[in-house]
Amino acid sequence: MGRGRRVYAGAAPGIYLVVTDPLMAPLTQTARAYRRTERCALWRLELPYGAELLALQYARTHDPELRERIVAAYAPLIERALLDFASAGAPEEDLRQVGYIGLLTALELFDPSRGTKFRTYANHLIRGEIFHYLRDQRDTIRQPRWLRRLNRQIEAEVARALSEEGRYPGLEELAVRLNIREEGLRELLKTREAVRTVSLDAADDEEQVQFDHRRIRHRAYTSFRLPIEDKIVLYQALERLSLLQRRVVYYLFFGGLTQWEVARRIGISQKHVSRILAQSLVRLRALLSG
């Protein structure tokens, strides 16, 4: 029997149906009935009274207490979005966590002066975050490597908070977990969205997006670990190396291999590895000091 997937029944909290092999097996008649009931209920979704006013107030004040109330009020939008992506085959809890990041991003980027309701904007970013997550899984969207690394760290910390605390972390808590200042986390969330918007139309040789790396700073010094701002600069410099140079640097400094082992793995001579390493270090030194 294939692996099962839990589907929220919608009748009462904590009630689930098990669907075997989510990619192939159709839902049972009972499950389909529950799904139709839940879909209709969610499309008629009424959010708590005053939720829109809370979002408008948060856009002016960025009050952390308001943020928690808004996330709780708009969380049903995530559940509604999950219904439309149920056939994608991705774990539901993974998509829920990604949807939460979309809601958090919407809250930080929302601009009332554009005339869009927060509900509409949040729904767009929640679904966009899930859609792009699924595309990222299939390697069909281009992102800078440093941003992919940080995306994985953000998603891992959200999952860890859920596991440890049983709840989603707020922006301030997430910043603490990532050892980054709150202002810097906001900049990263903006950059994630900008990269995804630009990458839909960008050519392969185009620069994806610019961001203000000066706003990204660590909160506290940790021994033997590079601050996040230095990691970003290093990641960006490594991306400017050729593929062969990146492989040599990665195997030597991140993989812990010797030059002889690198030579065997790549299929070149050890002397060639030594030359590539020297060229790479000269190039990195120039990029990091420029």
Protein backbone atom coordinates (compact mmCIF):
# COMPACT_ATOMS: atom_id res chain seq x y z
CA MET A 1 0.00 0.00 0.00
CA GLY A 2 1.30 3.48 -0.88
CA ARG A 3 2.02 6.21 1.58
CA GLY A 4 -1.06 7.96 2.93
CA ARG A 5 -1.82 11.66 3.18
CA ARG A 6 -4.07 13.21 5.81
CA VAL A 7 -6.90 15.39 4.52
CA TYR A 8 -8.66 17.72 6.92
CA ALA A 9 -12.31 16.66 7.01
CA GLY A 10 -13.67 20.09 7.84
CA ALA A 11 -16.45 18.79 10.08
CA ALA A 12 -14.58 19.21 13.35
CA PRO A 13 -11.04 20.16 14.41
CA GLY A 14 -8.65 17.25 14.45
CA ILE A 15 -10.79 15.01 12.18
CA TYR A 16 -8.85 13.69 9.20
CA LEU A 17 -9.37 11.22 6.38
CA VAL A 18 -6.46 9.21 5.03
CA VAL A 19 -5.95 9.24 1.26
CA THR A 20 -3.54 6.61 -0.05
CA ASP A 21 -1.08 7.59 -2.80
CA PRO A 22 -2.05 11.26 -3.21
CA LEU A 23 -0.55 11.48 -6.70
CA MET A 24 -2.62 8.67 -8.21
CA ALA A 25 -5.52 7.45 -6.07
CA PRO A 26 -8.79 9.42 -6.36
CA LEU A 27 -10.59 10.57 -3.24
CA THR A 28 -13.33 8.33 -1.92
CA GLN A 29 -16.91 9.52 -2.29
CA THR A 30 -17.01 10.48 1.39
CA ALA A 31 -13.73 12.35 1.12
CA ARG A 32 -14.96 14.20 -1.98
CA ALA A 33 -18.11 15.20 -0.12
CA TYR A 34 -16.04 16.53 2.78
CA ARG A 35 -13.77 18.32 0.33
CA ARG A 36 -16.71 19.99 -1.45
CA THR A 37 -18.20 21.02 1.89
CA GLU A 38 -14.93 22.48 3.07
CA ARG A 39 -14.26 24.22 -0.25
CA CYS A 40 -17.66 25.91 -0.19
CA ALA A 41 -17.18 26.93 3.43
CA LEU A 42 -13.79 28.44 2.71
CA TRP A 43 -14.92 30.30 -0.38
CA ARG A 44 -17.65 31.83 1.77
CA LEU A 45 -15.00 32.53 4.37
CA GLU A 46 -15.77 35.44 6.67
CA LEU A 47 -12.73 36.73 8.50
CA PRO A 48 -13.03 38.23 11.99
CA TYR A 49 -14.70 41.63 12.13
CA GLY A 50 -12.16 44.44 12.02
CA ALA A 51 -9.34 42.31 10.57
CA GLU A 52 -8.84 44.74 7.70
CA LEU A 53 -8.58 47.66 10.13
CA LEU A 54 -5.93 45.78 12.09
CA ALA A 55 -3.90 45.34 8.90
CA LEU A 56 -4.19 49.05 8.11
CA GLN A 57 -3.08 49.91 11.63
CA TYR A 58 -0.13 47.53 11.44
CA ALA A 59 1.00 49.10 8.16
CA ARG A 60 1.41 52.37 10.10
CA THR A 61 2.80 51.08 13.41
CA HIS A 62 4.37 47.62 12.85
CA ASP A 63 3.20 46.74 16.36
CA PRO A 64 4.26 43.11 17.15
CA GLU A 65 1.08 42.49 19.18
CA LEU A 66 -1.06 43.48 16.21
CA ARG A 67 0.96 41.19 13.97
CA GLU A 68 0.09 38.10 16.02
CA ARG A 69 -3.62 38.96 15.94
CA ILE A 70 -3.56 39.56 12.19
CA VAL A 71 -1.76 36.28 11.47
CA ALA A 72 -4.38 34.41 13.52
CA ALA A 73 -7.22 36.24 11.75
CA TYR A 74 -5.97 35.57 8.22
CA ALA A 75 -4.65 32.02 8.76
CA PRO A 76 -7.84 30.54 7.18
CA LEU A 77 -6.67 31.99 3.84
CA ILE A 78 -3.77 29.53 4.02
CA GLU A 79 -6.14 26.59 4.57
CA ARG A 80 -8.25 27.68 1.63
CA ALA A 81 -5.18 27.91 -0.60
CA LEU A 82 -4.12 24.39 0.40
CA LEU A 83 -7.28 22.99 -1.17
CA ASP A 84 -6.31 24.25 -4.61
CA PHE A 85 -2.79 22.80 -4.32
CA ALA A 86 -3.86 19.46 -2.83
CA SER A 87 -3.17 17.58 -6.06
CA ALA A 88 0.42 18.86 -6.29
CA GLY A 89 1.70 15.90 -4.28
CA ALA A 90 3.69 17.99 -1.79
CA PRO A 91 3.29 17.35 1.96
CA GLU A 92 0.40 19.43 3.24
CA GLU A 93 2.30 20.63 6.32
CA ASP A 94 5.18 21.86 4.14
CA LEU A 95 2.74 23.89 2.03
CA ARG A 96 1.08 25.24 5.18
CA GLN A 97 4.43 26.50 6.47
CA VAL A 98 5.21 28.08 3.10
CA GLY A 99 1.77 29.70 3.07
CA TYR A 100 2.51 31.19 6.49
CA ILE A 101 5.70 32.76 5.12
CA GLY A 102 3.58 34.24 2.32
CA LEU A 103 1.18 35.72 4.88
CA LEU A 104 4.07 37.13 6.91
CA THR A 105 5.58 38.64 3.75
CA ALA A 106 2.25 40.21 2.81
CA LEU A 107 2.00 41.77 6.25
CA GLU A 108 5.45 43.35 5.97
CA LEU A 109 5.06 44.58 2.37
CA PHE A 110 1.43 45.74 2.48
CA ASP A 111 0.99 49.32 1.27
CA PRO A 112 -2.56 50.67 1.84
CA SER A 113 -1.88 53.65 -0.44
CA ARG A 114 -2.14 51.35 -3.47
CA GLY A 115 -5.83 50.86 -2.85
CA THR A 116 -5.76 47.07 -2.46
CA LYS A 117 -7.43 45.35 0.47
CA PHE A 118 -5.09 43.38 2.70
CA ARG A 119 -7.21 40.25 2.29
CA THR A 120 -6.73 40.37 -1.48
CA TYR A 121 -3.01 41.10 -1.19
CA ALA A 122 -2.43 38.41 1.44
CA ASN A 123 -4.33 35.83 -0.59
CA HIS A 124 -2.17 36.66 -3.62
CA LEU A 125 1.13 36.31 -1.76
CA ILE A 126 0.09 33.16 0.10
CA ARG A 127 -0.82 31.42 -3.14
CA GLY A 128 2.21 32.88 -4.90
CA GLU A 129 4.53 31.60 -2.18
CA ILE A 130 3.08 28.08 -2.44
CA PHE A 131 3.18 28.16 -6.24
CA HIS A 132 6.80 29.29 -6.32
CA TYR A 133 7.75 26.74 -3.67
CA LEU A 134 6.40 23.99 -5.93
CA ARG A 135 8.28 25.48 -8.89
CA ASP A 136 11.46 25.70 -6.83
CA GLN A 137 11.10 22.00 -6.03
CA ARG A 138 11.15 21.30 -9.75
CA ASP A 139 14.13 23.62 -10.41
CA THR A 140 12.18 25.67 -12.96
CA ILE A 141 12.80 29.08 -11.39
CA ARG A 142 16.13 30.86 -11.16
CA GLN A 143 17.26 32.22 -7.81
CA PRO A 144 20.66 33.34 -6.56
CA ARG A 145 22.28 30.52 -4.60
CA TRP A 146 22.70 32.68 -1.51
CA LEU A 147 18.95 33.41 -1.51
CA ARG A 148 18.11 29.72 -1.90
CA ARG A 149 20.30 28.96 1.13
CA LEU A 150 18.60 31.63 3.21
CA ASN A 151 15.16 30.48 2.03
CA ARG A 152 15.94 27.00 3.31
CA GLN A 153 17.07 28.46 6.64
CA ILE A 154 13.86 30.50 6.99
CA GLU A 155 11.68 27.48 6.18
CA ALA A 156 13.69 25.27 8.56
CA GLU A 157 13.27 27.73 11.44
CA VAL A 158 9.52 28.00 10.84
CA ALA A 159 9.30 24.20 10.93
CA ARG A 160 11.45 24.05 14.07
CA ALA A 161 9.27 26.60 15.86
CA LEU A 162 6.18 24.59 14.95
CA SER A 163 7.80 21.43 16.27
CA GLU A 164 9.04 22.99 19.52
CA GLU A 165 6.28 25.48 20.32
CA GLY A 166 3.31 24.20 18.33
CA ARG A 167 2.80 27.62 16.71
CA TYR A 168 4.16 29.85 13.96
CA PRO A 169 6.90 32.29 14.98
CA GLY A 170 6.34 36.02 14.70
CA LEU A 171 8.71 38.18 12.68
CA GLU A 172 10.75 39.18 15.74
CA GLU A 173 11.06 35.58 16.97
CA LEU A 174 11.99 34.37 13.49
CA ALA A 175 14.68 37.06 13.31
CA VAL A 176 16.10 35.89 16.65
CA ARG A 177 16.15 32.28 15.47
CA LEU A 178 18.01 33.31 12.30
CA ASN A 179 20.36 35.64 14.23
CA ILE A 180 19.41 38.55 12.01
CA ARG A 181 17.98 41.95 12.84
CA GLU A 182 14.27 42.40 12.18
CA GLU A 183 14.94 45.10 9.58
CA GLY A 184 17.22 42.68 7.73
CA LEU A 185 14.59 39.93 7.73
CA ARG A 186 12.11 42.37 6.20
CA GLU A 187 14.67 43.12 3.47
CA LEU A 188 15.09 39.39 2.80
CA LEU A 189 11.33 38.89 2.53
CA LYS A 190 11.13 41.78 0.05
CA THR A 191 14.03 40.31 -1.92
CA ARG A 192 12.36 36.88 -2.10
CA GLU A 193 9.26 38.41 -3.64
CA ALA A 194 11.23 40.69 -5.99
CA VAL A 195 13.36 37.81 -7.28
CA ARG A 196 10.31 35.69 -8.00
CA THR A 197 8.54 38.53 -9.80
CA VAL A 198 11.54 39.46 -11.96
CA SER A 199 12.58 35.87 -12.71
CA LEU A 200 9.36 35.10 -14.57
CA ASP A 201 10.44 37.33 -17.46
CA ALA A 202 14.21 37.62 -17.05
CA ALA A 203 16.60 36.21 -19.61
CA ASP A 204 19.33 33.82 -18.49
CA ASP A 205 22.04 36.46 -18.68
CA GLU A 206 20.08 39.21 -16.96
CA GLU A 207 20.77 40.39 -13.43
CA GLN A 208 17.88 39.11 -11.35
CA VAL A 209 17.36 41.77 -8.72
CA GLN A 210 19.23 44.29 -6.61
CA PHE A 211 18.82 44.53 -2.85
CA ASP A 212 20.25 46.63 -0.04
CA HIS A 213 22.63 44.21 1.70
CA ARG A 214 23.67 47.00 4.11
CA ARG A 215 20.33 46.58 5.90
CA ILE A 216 21.00 42.91 6.63
CA ARG A 217 22.98 42.59 9.85
CA HIS A 218 23.35 39.92 12.52
CA ARG A 219 21.88 40.40 16.00
CA ALA A 220 24.63 38.80 18.11
CA TYR A 221 28.15 37.56 17.47
CA THR A 222 28.52 33.76 17.49
CA SER A 223 31.99 32.23 17.81
CA PHE A 224 33.33 30.44 14.73
CA ARG A 225 30.33 31.43 12.60
CA LEU A 226 30.26 34.10 9.93
CA PRO A 227 27.67 36.85 10.50
CA ILE A 228 24.81 36.64 8.01
CA GLU A 229 25.88 39.80 6.15
CA ASP A 230 29.34 38.30 5.55
CA LYS A 231 27.79 35.04 4.38
CA ILE A 232 25.73 36.89 1.77
CA VAL A 233 28.79 38.75 0.48
CA LEU A 234 30.73 35.47 0.33
CA TYR A 235 27.90 33.63 -1.44
CA GLN A 236 27.61 36.41 -4.00
CA ALA A 237 31.36 36.35 -4.64
CA LEU A 238 31.36 32.56 -5.08
CA GLU A 239 28.62 32.87 -7.70
CA ARG A 240 30.95 35.03 -9.80
CA LEU A 241 33.42 32.15 -10.13
CA SER A 242 33.26 29.66 -12.97
CA LEU A 243 31.54 26.32 -12.37
CA LEU A 244 34.88 24.50 -12.17
CA GLN A 245 36.28 27.07 -9.73
CA ARG A 246 33.17 26.80 -7.53
CA ARG A 247 33.47 23.01 -7.44
CA VAL A 248 37.12 23.14 -6.42
CA VAL A 249 36.48 25.72 -3.69
CA TYR A 250 33.44 23.83 -2.43
CA TYR A 251 35.18 20.45 -2.24
CA LEU A 252 38.28 21.89 -0.54
CA PHE A 253 36.70 24.30 1.95
CA PHE A 254 33.18 22.95 2.48
CA GLY A 255 33.63 19.26 1.67
CA GLY A 256 36.91 18.80 3.53
CA LEU A 257 38.59 16.97 0.65
CA THR A 258 42.31 17.08 -0.16
CA GLN A 259 43.56 18.39 -3.49
CA TRP A 260 44.30 14.81 -4.55
CA GLU A 261 40.72 13.72 -3.69
CA VAL A 262 39.30 16.72 -5.56
CA ALA A 263 41.40 15.85 -8.60
CA ARG A 264 40.06 12.29 -8.61
CA ARG A 265 36.46 13.40 -8.16
CA ILE A 266 36.55 16.00 -10.95
CA GLY A 267 38.81 13.98 -13.25
CA ILE A 268 41.75 16.37 -13.59
CA SER A 269 45.32 16.40 -12.30
CA GLN A 270 46.25 17.58 -8.81
CA LYS A 271 48.47 20.25 -10.36
CA HIS A 272 45.44 21.54 -12.28
CA VAL A 273 43.43 21.65 -9.03
CA SER A 274 46.21 23.68 -7.42
CA ARG A 275 46.19 26.20 -10.30
CA ILE A 276 42.40 26.52 -10.22
CA LEU A 277 42.49 27.08 -6.46
CA ALA A 278 45.10 29.82 -6.80
CA GLN A 279 43.06 31.54 -9.54
CA SER A 280 39.88 31.23 -7.46
CA LEU A 281 41.45 32.77 -4.37
CA VAL A 282 42.84 35.69 -6.37
CA ARG A 283 39.40 36.24 -7.89
CA LEU A 284 37.62 36.00 -4.53
CA ARG A 285 40.09 38.38 -2.91
CA ALA A 286 39.44 40.94 -5.64
CA LEU A 287 35.66 40.54 -5.36
CA LEU A 288 35.58 40.76 -1.57
CA SER A 289 37.88 43.78 -1.40
CA GLY A 290 36.19 45.63 -4.26
